[in-house]
Amino acid sequence: GVLIERAGVPRGLVNVIAGYGHTIGQAFIAEGDIRKVVFVGSPATGRHIATAAAQRRQLRRLED
């Protein structure tokens, strides 16, 4: 978060959340105020996130 702020990005625009996909990740996907999800991890979890995000019409970016 500090590097993002130093780059001039407004506070709160980007939030980095670390945790397990089946707990914290699922909670964020289900949250109505989340507009974009970026995920780095296993392809299996990425497919789950992509499906859940698509159902809520959230933008998503998956990287492995």
C-alpha atoms as a PDB file:
ATOM      1  CA  GLY A   1       0.000   0.000   0.000  1.00  0.00           C
ATOM      2  CA  VAL A   2       2.812   2.450   0.790  1.00  0.00           C
ATOM      3  CA  LEU A   3       4.356   2.197  -2.682  1.00  0.00           C
ATOM      4  CA  ILE A   4       0.976   2.761  -4.293  1.00  0.00           C
ATOM      5  CA  GLU A   5       0.486   5.926  -2.241  1.00  0.00           C
ATOM      6  CA  ARG A   6       4.022   7.129  -3.034  1.00  0.00           C
ATOM      7  CA  ALA A   7       3.192   6.722  -6.719  1.00  0.00           C
ATOM      8  CA  GLY A   8       0.391   9.256  -6.246  1.00  0.00           C
ATOM      9  CA  VAL A   9      -2.587   6.913  -6.312  1.00  0.00           C
ATOM     10  CA  PRO A  10      -5.367   8.281  -4.065  1.00  0.00           C
ATOM     11  CA  ARG A  11      -5.694   6.556  -0.690  1.00  0.00           C
ATOM     12  CA  GLY A  12      -8.315   3.790  -0.731  1.00  0.00           C
ATOM     13  CA  LEU A  13      -8.368   3.391  -4.516  1.00  0.00           C
ATOM     14  CA  VAL A  14      -6.223   0.236  -4.359  1.00  0.00           C
ATOM     15  CA  ASN A  15      -6.394  -2.203  -1.454  1.00  0.00           C
ATOM     16  CA  VAL A  16      -4.067  -5.190  -1.113  1.00  0.00           C
ATOM     17  CA  ILE A  17      -5.626  -8.036   0.864  1.00  0.00           C
ATOM     18  CA  ALA A  18      -3.689 -11.200   1.700  1.00  0.00           C
ATOM     19  CA  GLY A  19      -5.382 -14.381   2.841  1.00  0.00           C
ATOM     20  CA  TYR A  20      -6.790 -17.716   1.785  1.00  0.00           C
ATOM     21  CA  GLY A  21      -9.171 -17.688  -1.167  1.00  0.00           C
ATOM     22  CA  HIS A  22     -11.766 -19.898   0.491  1.00  0.00           C
ATOM     23  CA  THR A  23     -12.148 -17.456   3.395  1.00  0.00           C
ATOM     24  CA  ILE A  24     -11.134 -13.859   2.791  1.00  0.00           C
ATOM     25  CA  GLY A  25     -11.291 -14.144  -0.995  1.00  0.00           C
ATOM     26  CA  GLN A  26     -14.811 -15.530  -0.948  1.00  0.00           C
ATOM     27  CA  ALA A  27     -15.933 -12.789   1.430  1.00  0.00           C
ATOM     28  CA  PHE A  28     -14.615 -10.071  -0.875  1.00  0.00           C
ATOM     29  CA  ILE A  29     -16.164 -11.594  -3.977  1.00  0.00           C
ATOM     30  CA  ALA A  30     -19.532 -11.719  -2.209  1.00  0.00           C
ATOM     31  CA  GLU A  31     -19.265  -8.070  -1.117  1.00  0.00           C
ATOM     32  CA  GLY A  32     -21.442  -5.817  -3.257  1.00  0.00           C
ATOM     33  CA  ASP A  33     -19.131  -2.785  -3.050  1.00  0.00           C
ATOM     34  CA  ILE A  34     -16.133  -4.554  -4.627  1.00  0.00           C
ATOM     35  CA  ARG A  35     -15.918  -3.570  -8.299  1.00  0.00           C
ATOM     36  CA  LYS A  36     -12.713  -5.283  -9.381  1.00  0.00           C
ATOM     37  CA  VAL A  37     -10.857  -8.387  -8.181  1.00  0.00           C
ATOM     38  CA  VAL A  38      -7.213  -9.176  -9.030  1.00  0.00           C
ATOM     39  CA  PHE A  39      -6.074 -12.652  -8.062  1.00  0.00           C
ATOM     40  CA  VAL A  40      -2.669 -14.361  -8.106  1.00  0.00           C
ATOM     41  CA  GLY A  41      -2.682 -18.070  -7.250  1.00  0.00           C
ATOM     42  CA  SER A  42      -3.733 -21.513  -8.389  1.00  0.00           C
ATOM     43  CA  PRO A  43      -5.729 -22.061 -11.602  1.00  0.00           C
ATOM     44  CA  ALA A  44      -8.434 -23.971  -9.691  1.00  0.00           C
ATOM     45  CA  THR A  45      -9.056 -21.076  -7.307  1.00  0.00           C
ATOM     46  CA  GLY A  46      -8.824 -18.654 -10.223  1.00  0.00           C
ATOM     47  CA  ARG A  47     -11.641 -20.474 -12.022  1.00  0.00           C
ATOM     48  CA  HIS A  48     -13.794 -20.270  -8.902  1.00  0.00           C
ATOM     49  CA  ILE A  49     -13.123 -16.533  -8.548  1.00  0.00           C
ATOM     50  CA  ALA A  50     -13.811 -15.916 -12.237  1.00  0.00           C
ATOM     51  CA  THR A  51     -17.151 -17.728 -12.024  1.00  0.00           C
ATOM     52  CA  ALA A  52     -18.239 -15.961  -8.839  1.00  0.00           C
ATOM     53  CA  ALA A  53     -17.109 -12.547 -10.106  1.00  0.00           C
ATOM     54  CA  ALA A  54     -18.886 -13.047 -13.445  1.00  0.00           C
ATOM     55  CA  GLN A  55     -22.134 -13.846 -11.661  1.00  0.00           C
ATOM     56  CA  ARG A  56     -21.859 -10.513  -9.845  1.00  0.00           C
ATOM     57  CA  ARG A  57     -20.626  -8.742 -12.996  1.00  0.00           C
ATOM     58  CA  GLN A  58     -17.345  -7.780 -11.330  1.00  0.00           C
ATOM     59  CA  LEU A  59     -14.217  -7.151 -13.350  1.00  0.00           C
ATOM     60  CA  ARG A  60     -11.482  -9.659 -12.593  1.00  0.00           C
ATOM     61  CA  ARG A  61      -7.852 -10.248 -13.494  1.00  0.00           C
ATOM     62  CA  LEU A  62      -6.280 -13.636 -12.870  1.00  0.00           C
ATOM     63  CA  GLU A  63      -2.546 -14.294 -12.855  1.00  0.00           C
ATOM     64  CA  ASP A  64      -0.557 -17.417 -12.027  1.00  0.00           C
END
